[in-house]
Amino acid sequence: MHHPLLPQVVVQAPPSSGTATASMVLGILGVLGGWSLFGLTCVLAVILGHVGLHETRNGTKSGRGMAVTGLILGYVFVGPMIALTVLVFFGGVIGAATPTPTSAP
């Protein structure tokens, strides 16, 4: 029995975006590390996630899911960190501006 040779089609996937991969890795490290390094890994995950989304927008690079994952994981800690910073700042400003009663001698 003789089988005819069929042509093989090889499809090469587009290269993966390095910034999208870095965003996802930093997002995971940020979530696992919590507030270590003052959330720097999460901030970098958000920045690189946006760059990764831009790189994967037209389909020349793959990794859009990794960029989205890095963004989500980064924002999980960046959002509360910003809210806490604002609350501490305004609490300090209001506390400094509020006069404290003094007792008369």
PDB file of N, CA and C in Angstrom:
ATOM      1  N   MET A   1       0.842  -1.162   0.000  1.00  0.00           N
ATOM      2  CA  MET A   1       0.000   0.000   0.000  1.00  0.00           C
ATOM      3  C   MET A   1       0.896   1.237   0.000  1.00  0.00           C
ATOM      4  N   HIS A   2       0.658   2.093  -0.952  1.00  0.00           N
ATOM      5  CA  HIS A   2       1.488   3.274  -1.118  1.00  0.00           C
ATOM      6  C   HIS A   2       0.658   4.523  -0.794  1.00  0.00           C
ATOM      7  N   HIS A   3       1.170   5.338   0.148  1.00  0.00           N
ATOM      8  CA  HIS A   3       0.478   6.580   0.520  1.00  0.00           C
ATOM      9  C   HIS A   3       1.139   7.752  -0.200  1.00  0.00           C
ATOM     10  N   PRO A   4       0.338   8.557  -0.818  1.00  0.00           N
ATOM     11  CA  PRO A   4       0.929   9.726  -1.481  1.00  0.00           C
ATOM     12  C   PRO A   4       1.440  10.722  -0.442  1.00  0.00           C
ATOM     13  N   LEU A   5       2.491  11.407  -0.775  1.00  0.00           N
ATOM     14  CA  LEU A   5       3.048  12.411   0.124  1.00  0.00           C
ATOM     15  C   LEU A   5       2.173  13.662   0.088  1.00  0.00           C
ATOM     16  N   LEU A   6       1.756  14.080   1.234  1.00  0.00           N
ATOM     17  CA  LEU A   6       0.930  15.285   1.340  1.00  0.00           C
ATOM     18  C   LEU A   6       1.814  16.459   1.740  1.00  0.00           C
ATOM     19  N   PRO A   7       1.541  17.622   1.191  1.00  0.00           N
ATOM     20  CA  PRO A   7       2.351  18.781   1.594  1.00  0.00           C
ATOM     21  C   PRO A   7       2.075  19.143   3.049  1.00  0.00           C
ATOM     22  N   GLN A   8       3.110  19.519   3.734  1.00  0.00           N
ATOM     23  CA  GLN A   8       2.964  19.925   5.128  1.00  0.00           C
ATOM     24  C   GLN A   8       3.005  21.445   5.201  1.00  0.00           C
ATOM     25  N   VAL A   9       2.069  21.982   5.948  1.00  0.00           N
ATOM     26  CA  VAL A   9       1.995  23.419   6.136  1.00  0.00           C
ATOM     27  C   VAL A   9       2.552  23.739   7.517  1.00  0.00           C
ATOM     28  N   VAL A  10       3.551  24.582   7.544  1.00  0.00           N
ATOM     29  CA  VAL A  10       4.148  24.992   8.814  1.00  0.00           C
ATOM     30  C   VAL A  10       3.770  26.446   9.050  1.00  0.00           C
ATOM     31  N   VAL A  11       3.100  26.681  10.158  1.00  0.00           N
ATOM     32  CA  VAL A  11       2.692  28.042  10.511  1.00  0.00           C
ATOM     33  C   VAL A  11       3.536  28.484  11.691  1.00  0.00           C
ATOM     34  N   GLN A  12       4.203  29.575  11.509  1.00  0.00           N
ATOM     35  CA  GLN A  12       5.043  30.087  12.585  1.00  0.00           C
ATOM     36  C   GLN A  12       4.268  31.159  13.347  1.00  0.00           C
ATOM     37  N   ALA A  13       4.192  31.007  14.658  1.00  0.00           N
ATOM     38  CA  ALA A  13       3.495  31.966  15.498  1.00  0.00           C
ATOM     39  C   ALA A  13       4.317  33.251  15.592  1.00  0.00           C
ATOM     40  N   PRO A  14       3.629  34.381  15.745  1.00  0.00           N
ATOM     41  CA  PRO A  14       4.382  35.623  15.890  1.00  0.00           C
ATOM     42  C   PRO A  14       5.198  35.602  17.182  1.00  0.00           C
ATOM     43  N   PRO A  15       6.297  36.336  17.225  1.00  0.00           N
ATOM     44  CA  PRO A  15       7.112  36.348  18.450  1.00  0.00           C
ATOM     45  C   PRO A  15       6.342  36.944  19.614  1.00  0.00           C
ATOM     46  N   SER A  16       6.653  36.469  20.773  1.00  0.00           N
ATOM     47  CA  SER A  16       5.978  36.949  21.978  1.00  0.00           C
ATOM     48  C   SER A  16       6.559  38.291  22.415  1.00  0.00           C
ATOM     49  N   SER A  17       5.705  39.129  22.960  1.00  0.00           N
ATOM     50  CA  SER A  17       6.139  40.435  23.455  1.00  0.00           C
ATOM     51  C   SER A  17       6.878  40.261  24.783  1.00  0.00           C
ATOM     52  N   GLY A  18       8.090  40.726  24.832  1.00  0.00           N
ATOM     53  CA  GLY A  18       8.884  40.637  26.058  1.00  0.00           C
ATOM     54  C   GLY A  18       8.325  41.499  27.174  1.00  0.00           C
ATOM     55  N   THR A  19       7.781  42.661  26.817  1.00  0.00           N
ATOM     56  CA  THR A  19       7.217  43.528  27.859  1.00  0.00           C
ATOM     57  C   THR A  19       5.944  42.927  28.438  1.00  0.00           C
ATOM     58  N   ALA A  20       5.172  42.223  27.615  1.00  0.00           N
ATOM     59  CA  ALA A  20       3.971  41.562  28.142  1.00  0.00           C
ATOM     60  C   ALA A  20       4.361  40.460  29.124  1.00  0.00           C
ATOM     61  N   THR A  21       5.390  39.708  28.774  1.00  0.00           N
ATOM     62  CA  THR A  21       5.874  38.654  29.675  1.00  0.00           C
ATOM     63  C   THR A  21       6.405  39.252  30.973  1.00  0.00           C
ATOM     64  N   ALA A  22       7.181  40.314  30.857  1.00  0.00           N
ATOM     65  CA  ALA A  22       7.729  40.966  32.056  1.00  0.00           C
ATOM     66  C   ALA A  22       6.615  41.528  32.923  1.00  0.00           C
ATOM     67  N   SER A  23       5.572  42.064  32.307  1.00  0.00           N
ATOM     68  CA  SER A  23       4.441  42.592  33.060  1.00  0.00           C
ATOM     69  C   SER A  23       3.774  41.498  33.883  1.00  0.00           C
ATOM     70  N   MET A  24       3.555  40.354  33.260  1.00  0.00           N
ATOM     71  CA  MET A  24       2.918  39.258  33.979  1.00  0.00           C
ATOM     72  C   MET A  24       3.797  38.759  35.121  1.00  0.00           C
ATOM     73  N   VAL A  25       5.085  38.605  34.873  1.00  0.00           N
ATOM     74  CA  VAL A  25       6.005  38.124  35.914  1.00  0.00           C
ATOM     75  C   VAL A  25       6.054  39.111  37.075  1.00  0.00           C
ATOM     76  N   LEU A  26       6.166  40.406  36.772  1.00  0.00           N
ATOM     77  CA  LEU A  26       6.208  41.406  37.843  1.00  0.00           C
ATOM     78  C   LEU A  26       4.879  41.492  38.582  1.00  0.00           C
ATOM     79  N   GLY A  27       3.769  41.289  37.874  1.00  0.00           N
ATOM     80  CA  GLY A  27       2.469  41.267  38.546  1.00  0.00           C
ATOM     81  C   GLY A  27       2.362  40.117  39.525  1.00  0.00           C
ATOM     82  N   ILE A  28       2.841  38.949  39.106  1.00  0.00           N
ATOM     83  CA  ILE A  28       2.824  37.787  40.007  1.00  0.00           C
ATOM     84  C   ILE A  28       3.732  38.038  41.207  1.00  0.00           C
ATOM     85  N   LEU A  29       4.933  38.547  40.961  1.00  0.00           N
ATOM     86  CA  LEU A  29       5.851  38.845  42.074  1.00  0.00           C
ATOM     87  C   LEU A  29       5.267  39.901  43.007  1.00  0.00           C
ATOM     88  N   GLY A  30       4.589  40.884  42.440  1.00  0.00           N
ATOM     89  CA  GLY A  30       3.977  41.929  43.261  1.00  0.00           C
ATOM     90  C   GLY A  30       2.881  41.391  44.158  1.00  0.00           C
ATOM     91  N   VAL A  31       2.055  40.488  43.615  1.00  0.00           N
ATOM     92  CA  VAL A  31       0.983  39.905  44.421  1.00  0.00           C
ATOM     93  C   VAL A  31       1.561  38.977  45.482  1.00  0.00           C
ATOM     94  N   LEU A  32       2.560  38.178  45.112  1.00  0.00           N
ATOM     95  CA  LEU A  32       3.166  37.263  46.088  1.00  0.00           C
ATOM     96  C   LEU A  32       3.969  38.022  47.139  1.00  0.00           C
ATOM     97  N   GLY A  33       4.622  39.107  46.728  1.00  0.00           N
ATOM     98  CA  GLY A  33       5.439  39.878  47.647  1.00  0.00           C
ATOM     99  C   GLY A  33       4.660  40.884  48.460  1.00  0.00           C
ATOM    100  N   GLY A  34       3.405  41.099  48.090  1.00  0.00           N
ATOM    101  CA  GLY A  34       2.588  42.057  48.836  1.00  0.00           C
ATOM    102  C   GLY A  34       3.116  43.466  48.697  1.00  0.00           C
ATOM    103  N   TRP A  35       3.328  44.105  49.827  1.00  0.00           N
ATOM    104  CA  TRP A  35       3.727  45.514  49.829  1.00  0.00           C
ATOM    105  C   TRP A  35       5.240  45.689  49.840  1.00  0.00           C
ATOM    106  N   SER A  36       5.973  44.599  49.574  1.00  0.00           N
ATOM    107  CA  SER A  36       7.428  44.717  49.570  1.00  0.00           C
ATOM    108  C   SER A  36       7.870  45.677  48.475  1.00  0.00           C
ATOM    109  N   LEU A  37       8.950  46.349  48.701  1.00  0.00           N
ATOM    110  CA  LEU A  37       9.502  47.341  47.778  1.00  0.00           C
ATOM    111  C   LEU A  37       8.504  48.452  47.476  1.00  0.00           C
ATOM    112  N   PHE A  38       7.581  48.711  48.412  1.00  0.00           N
ATOM    113  CA  PHE A  38       6.601  49.793  48.295  1.00  0.00           C
ATOM    114  C   PHE A  38       5.752  49.665  47.032  1.00  0.00           C
ATOM    115  N   GLY A  39       5.481  48.445  46.615  1.00  0.00           N
ATOM    116  CA  GLY A  39       4.636  48.212  45.450  1.00  0.00           C
ATOM    117  C   GLY A  39       5.298  48.522  44.119  1.00  0.00           C
ATOM    118  N   LEU A  40       6.614  48.650  44.104  1.00  0.00           N
ATOM    119  CA  LEU A  40       7.326  49.002  42.879  1.00  0.00           C
ATOM    120  C   LEU A  40       7.111  47.960  41.785  1.00  0.00           C
ATOM    121  N   THR A  41       7.080  46.683  42.150  1.00  0.00           N
ATOM    122  CA  THR A  41       6.871  45.645  41.142  1.00  0.00           C
ATOM    123  C   THR A  41       5.495  45.772  40.511  1.00  0.00           C
ATOM    124  N   CYS A  42       4.495  46.153  41.300  1.00  0.00           N
ATOM    125  CA  CYS A  42       3.145  46.311  40.752  1.00  0.00           C
ATOM    126  C   CYS A  42       3.059  47.523  39.840  1.00  0.00           C
ATOM    127  N   VAL A  43       3.722  48.599  40.205  1.00  0.00           N
ATOM    128  CA  VAL A  43       3.730  49.792  39.347  1.00  0.00           C
ATOM    129  C   VAL A  43       4.399  49.464  38.016  1.00  0.00           C
ATOM    130  N   LEU A  44       5.519  48.759  38.072  1.00  0.00           N
ATOM    131  CA  LEU A  44       6.194  48.354  36.837  1.00  0.00           C
ATOM    132  C   LEU A  44       5.335  47.388  36.019  1.00  0.00           C
ATOM    133  N   ALA A  45       4.588  46.516  36.691  1.00  0.00           N
ATOM    134  CA  ALA A  45       3.701  45.590  35.983  1.00  0.00           C
ATOM    135  C   ALA A  45       2.629  46.354  35.214  1.00  0.00           C
ATOM    136  N   VAL A  46       2.097  47.407  35.820  1.00  0.00           N
ATOM    137  CA  VAL A  46       1.074  48.215  35.150  1.00  0.00           C
ATOM    138  C   VAL A  46       1.668  48.944  33.946  1.00  0.00           C
ATOM    139  N   ILE A  47       2.823  49.552  34.125  1.00  0.00           N
ATOM    140  CA  ILE A  47       3.455  50.302  33.031  1.00  0.00           C
ATOM    141  C   ILE A  47       3.792  49.363  31.874  1.00  0.00           C
ATOM    142  N   LEU A  48       4.451  48.253  32.181  1.00  0.00           N
ATOM    143  CA  LEU A  48       4.827  47.302  31.132  1.00  0.00           C
ATOM    144  C   LEU A  48       3.602  46.623  30.522  1.00  0.00           C
ATOM    145  N   GLY A  49       2.547  46.457  31.303  1.00  0.00           N
ATOM    146  CA  GLY A  49       1.313  45.890  30.768  1.00  0.00           C
ATOM    147  C   GLY A  49       0.703  46.771  29.695  1.00  0.00           C
ATOM    148  N   HIS A  50       0.707  48.077  29.937  1.00  0.00           N
ATOM    149  CA  HIS A  50       0.183  49.000  28.926  1.00  0.00           C
ATOM    150  C   HIS A  50       1.059  49.008  27.676  1.00  0.00           C
ATOM    151  N   VAL A  51       2.378  48.949  27.870  1.00  0.00           N
ATOM    152  CA  VAL A  51       3.286  48.882  26.720  1.00  0.00           C
ATOM    153  C   VAL A  51       3.067  47.565  25.970  1.00  0.00           C
ATOM    154  N   GLY A  52       2.895  46.469  26.702  1.00  0.00           N
ATOM    155  CA  GLY A  52       2.648  45.173  26.082  1.00  0.00           C
ATOM    156  C   GLY A  52       1.340  45.144  25.303  1.00  0.00           C
ATOM    157  N   LEU A  53       0.295  45.799  25.830  1.00  0.00           N
ATOM    158  CA  LEU A  53      -0.957  45.888  25.085  1.00  0.00           C
ATOM    159  C   LEU A  53      -0.769  46.641  23.778  1.00  0.00           C
ATOM    160  N   HIS A  54       0.013  47.700  23.838  1.00  0.00           N
ATOM    161  CA  HIS A  54       0.286  48.484  22.630  1.00  0.00           C
ATOM    162  C   HIS A  54       1.059  47.650  21.598  1.00  0.00           C
ATOM    163  N   GLU A  55       2.027  46.872  22.064  1.00  0.00           N
ATOM    164  CA  GLU A  55       2.836  46.048  21.159  1.00  0.00           C
ATOM    165  C   GLU A  55       2.025  44.930  20.510  1.00  0.00           C
ATOM    166  N   THR A  56       1.045  44.396  21.218  1.00  0.00           N
ATOM    167  CA  THR A  56       0.279  43.258  20.708  1.00  0.00           C
ATOM    168  C   THR A  56      -1.012  43.676  20.019  1.00  0.00           C
ATOM    169  N   ARG A  57      -1.231  44.952  19.883  1.00  0.00           N
ATOM    170  CA  ARG A  57      -2.491  45.447  19.337  1.00  0.00           C
ATOM    171  C   ARG A  57      -2.712  45.017  17.888  1.00  0.00           C
ATOM    172  N   ASN A  58      -1.712  45.103  17.053  1.00  0.00           N
ATOM    173  CA  ASN A  58      -1.910  44.825  15.627  1.00  0.00           C
ATOM    174  C   ASN A  58      -1.612  43.374  15.236  1.00  0.00           C
ATOM    175  N   GLY A  59      -1.258  42.525  16.164  1.00  0.00           N
ATOM    176  CA  GLY A  59      -1.058  41.112  15.884  1.00  0.00           C
ATOM    177  C   GLY A  59       0.333  40.714  15.426  1.00  0.00           C
ATOM    178  N   THR A  60       1.267  41.665  15.367  1.00  0.00           N
ATOM    179  CA  THR A  60       2.624  41.294  14.967  1.00  0.00           C
ATOM    180  C   THR A  60       3.377  40.595  16.082  1.00  0.00           C
ATOM    181  N   LYS A  61       2.918  40.780  17.306  1.00  0.00           N
ATOM    182  CA  LYS A  61       3.503  40.081  18.459  1.00  0.00           C
ATOM    183  C   LYS A  61       2.381  39.428  19.247  1.00  0.00           C
ATOM    184  N   SER A  62       2.684  38.298  19.857  1.00  0.00           N
ATOM    185  CA  SER A  62       1.697  37.621  20.698  1.00  0.00           C
ATOM    186  C   SER A  62       1.962  37.972  22.154  1.00  0.00           C
ATOM    187  N   GLY A  63       1.046  37.601  23.019  1.00  0.00           N
ATOM    188  CA  GLY A  63       1.232  37.840  24.441  1.00  0.00           C
ATOM    189  C   GLY A  63       0.240  38.811  25.032  1.00  0.00           C
ATOM    190  N   ARG A  64      -0.849  39.071  24.322  1.00  0.00           N
ATOM    191  CA  ARG A  64      -1.843  40.028  24.819  1.00  0.00           C
ATOM    192  C   ARG A  64      -2.431  39.571  26.158  1.00  0.00           C
ATOM    193  N   GLY A  65      -2.667  38.278  26.296  1.00  0.00           N
ATOM    194  CA  GLY A  65      -3.203  37.750  27.549  1.00  0.00           C
ATOM    195  C   GLY A  65      -2.253  37.960  28.720  1.00  0.00           C
ATOM    196  N   MET A  66      -0.956  37.825  28.453  1.00  0.00           N
ATOM    197  CA  MET A  66       0.029  38.060  29.523  1.00  0.00           C
ATOM    198  C   MET A  66       0.041  39.535  29.928  1.00  0.00           C
ATOM    199  N   ALA A  67      -0.108  40.431  28.943  1.00  0.00           N
ATOM    200  CA  ALA A  67      -0.141  41.867  29.260  1.00  0.00           C
ATOM    201  C   ALA A  67      -1.365  42.198  30.104  1.00  0.00           C
ATOM    202  N   VAL A  68      -2.509  41.623  29.748  1.00  0.00           N
ATOM    203  CA  VAL A  68      -3.744  41.869  30.514  1.00  0.00           C
ATOM    204  C   VAL A  68      -3.602  41.299  31.930  1.00  0.00           C
ATOM    205  N   THR A  69      -3.010  40.114  32.038  1.00  0.00           N
ATOM    206  CA  THR A  69      -2.793  39.517  33.360  1.00  0.00           C
ATOM    207  C   THR A  69      -1.885  40.387  34.217  1.00  0.00           C
ATOM    208  N   GLY A  70      -0.811  40.900  33.635  1.00  0.00           N
ATOM    209  CA  GLY A  70       0.083  41.798  34.366  1.00  0.00           C
ATOM    210  C   GLY A  70      -0.620  43.061  34.807  1.00  0.00           C
ATOM    211  N   LEU A  71      -1.473  43.608  33.937  1.00  0.00           N
ATOM    212  CA  LEU A  71      -2.236  44.810  34.309  1.00  0.00           C
ATOM    213  C   LEU A  71      -3.171  44.532  35.478  1.00  0.00           C
ATOM    214  N   ILE A  72      -3.908  43.449  35.394  1.00  0.00           N
ATOM    215  CA  ILE A  72      -4.868  43.127  36.465  1.00  0.00           C
ATOM    216  C   ILE A  72      -4.145  42.898  37.781  1.00  0.00           C
ATOM    217  N   LEU A  73      -3.091  42.078  37.751  1.00  0.00           N
ATOM    218  CA  LEU A  73      -2.360  41.799  38.988  1.00  0.00           C
ATOM    219  C   LEU A  73      -1.677  43.051  39.527  1.00  0.00           C
ATOM    220  N   GLY A  74      -1.187  43.904  38.646  1.00  0.00           N
ATOM    221  CA  GLY A  74      -0.558  45.149  39.092  1.00  0.00           C
ATOM    222  C   GLY A  74      -1.553  46.090  39.728  1.00  0.00           C
ATOM    223  N   TYR A  75      -2.724  46.249  39.092  1.00  0.00           N
ATOM    224  CA  TYR A  75      -3.746  47.155  39.631  1.00  0.00           C
ATOM    225  C   TYR A  75      -4.355  46.646  40.930  1.00  0.00           C
ATOM    226  N   VAL A  76      -4.259  45.326  41.189  1.00  0.00           N
ATOM    227  CA  VAL A  76      -4.778  44.776  42.449  1.00  0.00           C
ATOM    228  C   VAL A  76      -4.116  45.467  43.638  1.00  0.00           C
ATOM    229  N   PHE A  77      -2.825  45.802  43.523  1.00  0.00           N
ATOM    230  CA  PHE A  77      -2.137  46.460  44.623  1.00  0.00           C
ATOM    231  C   PHE A  77      -1.910  47.945  44.389  1.00  0.00           C
ATOM    232  N   VAL A  78      -1.834  48.394  43.145  1.00  0.00           N
ATOM    233  CA  VAL A  78      -1.576  49.808  42.895  1.00  0.00           C
ATOM    234  C   VAL A  78      -2.780  50.652  43.306  1.00  0.00           C
ATOM    235  N   GLY A  79      -3.985  50.182  43.001  1.00  0.00           N
ATOM    236  CA  GLY A  79      -5.194  50.937  43.363  1.00  0.00           C
ATOM    237  C   GLY A  79      -5.299  51.180  44.863  1.00  0.00           C
ATOM    238  N   PRO A  80      -5.273  50.136  45.688  1.00  0.00           N
ATOM    239  CA  PRO A  80      -5.331  50.354  47.139  1.00  0.00           C
ATOM    240  C   PRO A  80      -4.131  51.153  47.666  1.00  0.00           C
ATOM    241  N   MET A  81      -2.963  50.987  47.040  1.00  0.00           N
ATOM    242  CA  MET A  81      -1.787  51.736  47.493  1.00  0.00           C
ATOM    243  C   MET A  81      -2.000  53.235  47.276  1.00  0.00           C
ATOM    244  N   ILE A  82      -2.562  53.605  46.140  1.00  0.00           N
ATOM    245  CA  ILE A  82      -2.837  55.013  45.863  1.00  0.00           C
ATOM    246  C   ILE A  82      -3.893  55.530  46.828  1.00  0.00           C
ATOM    247  N   ALA A  83      -4.948  54.758  47.060  1.00  0.00           N
ATOM    248  CA  ALA A  83      -6.005  55.182  47.987  1.00  0.00           C
ATOM    249  C   ALA A  83      -5.451  55.367  49.393  1.00  0.00           C
ATOM    250  N   LEU A  84      -4.615  54.448  49.845  1.00  0.00           N
ATOM    251  CA  LEU A  84      -4.028  54.559  51.182  1.00  0.00           C
ATOM    252  C   LEU A  84      -3.115  55.772  51.278  1.00  0.00           C
ATOM    253  N   THR A  85      -2.332  56.030  50.245  1.00  0.00           N
ATOM    254  CA  THR A  85      -1.449  57.191  50.240  1.00  0.00           C
ATOM    255  C   THR A  85      -2.247  58.485  50.316  1.00  0.00           C
ATOM    256  N   VAL A  86      -3.331  58.562  49.554  1.00  0.00           N
ATOM    257  CA  VAL A  86      -4.178  59.756  49.577  1.00  0.00           C
ATOM    258  C   VAL A  86      -4.806  59.931  50.955  1.00  0.00           C
ATOM    259  N   LEU A  87      -5.307  58.851  51.539  1.00  0.00           N
ATOM    260  CA  LEU A  87      -5.920  58.949  52.865  1.00  0.00           C
ATOM    261  C   LEU A  87      -4.916  59.391  53.925  1.00  0.00           C
ATOM    262  N   VAL A  88      -3.712  58.846  53.883  1.00  0.00           N
ATOM    263  CA  VAL A  88      -2.685  59.222  54.853  1.00  0.00           C
ATOM    264  C   VAL A  88      -2.286  60.681  54.659  1.00  0.00           C
ATOM    265  N   PHE A  89      -2.139  61.095  53.403  1.00  0.00           N
ATOM    266  CA  PHE A  89      -1.750  62.483  53.128  1.00  0.00           C
ATOM    267  C   PHE A  89      -2.813  63.457  53.614  1.00  0.00           C
ATOM    268  N   PHE A  90      -4.077  63.217  53.219  1.00  0.00           N
ATOM    269  CA  PHE A  90      -5.130  64.140  53.630  1.00  0.00           C
ATOM    270  C   PHE A  90      -5.399  64.049  55.124  1.00  0.00           C
ATOM    271  N   GLY A  91      -5.206  62.889  55.722  1.00  0.00           N
ATOM    272  CA  GLY A  91      -5.345  62.776  57.171  1.00  0.00           C
ATOM    273  C   GLY A  91      -4.294  63.606  57.884  1.00  0.00           C
ATOM    274  N   GLY A  92      -3.078  63.602  57.365  1.00  0.00           N
ATOM    275  CA  GLY A  92      -2.012  64.411  57.951  1.00  0.00           C
ATOM    276  C   GLY A  92      -2.253  65.889  57.755  1.00  0.00           C
ATOM    277  N   VAL A  93      -2.754  66.263  56.588  1.00  0.00           N
ATOM    278  CA  VAL A  93      -3.030  67.682  56.321  1.00  0.00           C
ATOM    279  C   VAL A  93      -4.163  68.174  57.199  1.00  0.00           C
ATOM    280  N   ILE A  94      -5.226  67.397  57.301  1.00  0.00           N
ATOM    281  CA  ILE A  94      -6.357  67.806  58.136  1.00  0.00           C
ATOM    282  C   ILE A  94      -5.957  67.824  59.597  1.00  0.00           C
ATOM    283  N   GLY A  95      -5.156  66.832  60.019  1.00  0.00           N
ATOM    284  CA  GLY A  95      -4.694  66.802  61.402  1.00  0.00           C
ATOM    285  C   GLY A  95      -3.799  67.985  61.742  1.00  0.00           C
ATOM    286  N   ALA A  96      -2.983  68.412  60.793  1.00  0.00           N
ATOM    287  CA  ALA A  96      -2.097  69.551  61.032  1.00  0.00           C
ATOM    288  C   ALA A  96      -2.860  70.865  61.025  1.00  0.00           C
ATOM    289  N   ALA A  97      -3.946  70.925  60.257  1.00  0.00           N
ATOM    290  CA  ALA A  97      -4.711  72.172  60.145  1.00  0.00           C
ATOM    291  C   ALA A  97      -5.731  72.327  61.263  1.00  0.00           C
ATOM    292  N   THR A  98      -6.080  71.263  61.940  1.00  0.00           N
ATOM    293  CA  THR A  98      -7.060  71.333  63.020  1.00  0.00           C
ATOM    294  C   THR A  98      -6.384  71.812  64.295  1.00  0.00           C
ATOM    295  N   PRO A  99      -6.910  72.906  64.883  1.00  0.00           N
ATOM    296  CA  PRO A  99      -6.288  73.377  66.121  1.00  0.00           C
ATOM    297  C   PRO A  99      -6.588  72.413  67.273  1.00  0.00           C
ATOM    298  N   THR A 100      -5.614  72.246  68.128  1.00  0.00           N
ATOM    299  CA  THR A 100      -5.797  71.385  69.296  1.00  0.00           C
ATOM    300  C   THR A 100      -6.077  72.272  70.505  1.00  0.00           C
ATOM    301  N   PRO A 101      -7.038  71.876  71.302  1.00  0.00           N
ATOM    302  CA  PRO A 101      -7.357  72.694  72.492  1.00  0.00           C
ATOM    303  C   PRO A 101      -6.208  72.631  73.510  1.00  0.00           C
ATOM    304  N   THR A 102      -5.931  73.733  74.080  1.00  0.00           N
ATOM    305  CA  THR A 102      -4.914  73.790  75.134  1.00  0.00           C
ATOM    306  C   THR A 102      -5.578  74.169  76.437  1.00  0.00           C
ATOM    307  N   SER A 103      -5.034  73.698  77.505  1.00  0.00           N
ATOM    308  CA  SER A 103      -5.614  74.010  78.815  1.00  0.00           C
ATOM    309  C   SER A 103      -5.036  75.331  79.335  1.00  0.00           C
ATOM    310  N   ALA A 104      -5.873  76.077  79.993  1.00  0.00           N
ATOM    311  CA  ALA A 104      -5.431  77.368  80.538  1.00  0.00           C
ATOM    312  C   ALA A 104      -4.635  77.136  81.826  1.00  0.00           C
ATOM    313  N   PRO A 105      -3.569  77.911  82.030  1.00  0.00           N
ATOM    314  CA  PRO A 105      -2.772  77.695  83.253  1.00  0.00           C
ATOM    315  C   PRO A 105      -3.419  78.203  84.502  1.00  0.00           C
TER     316      PRO A 105
END
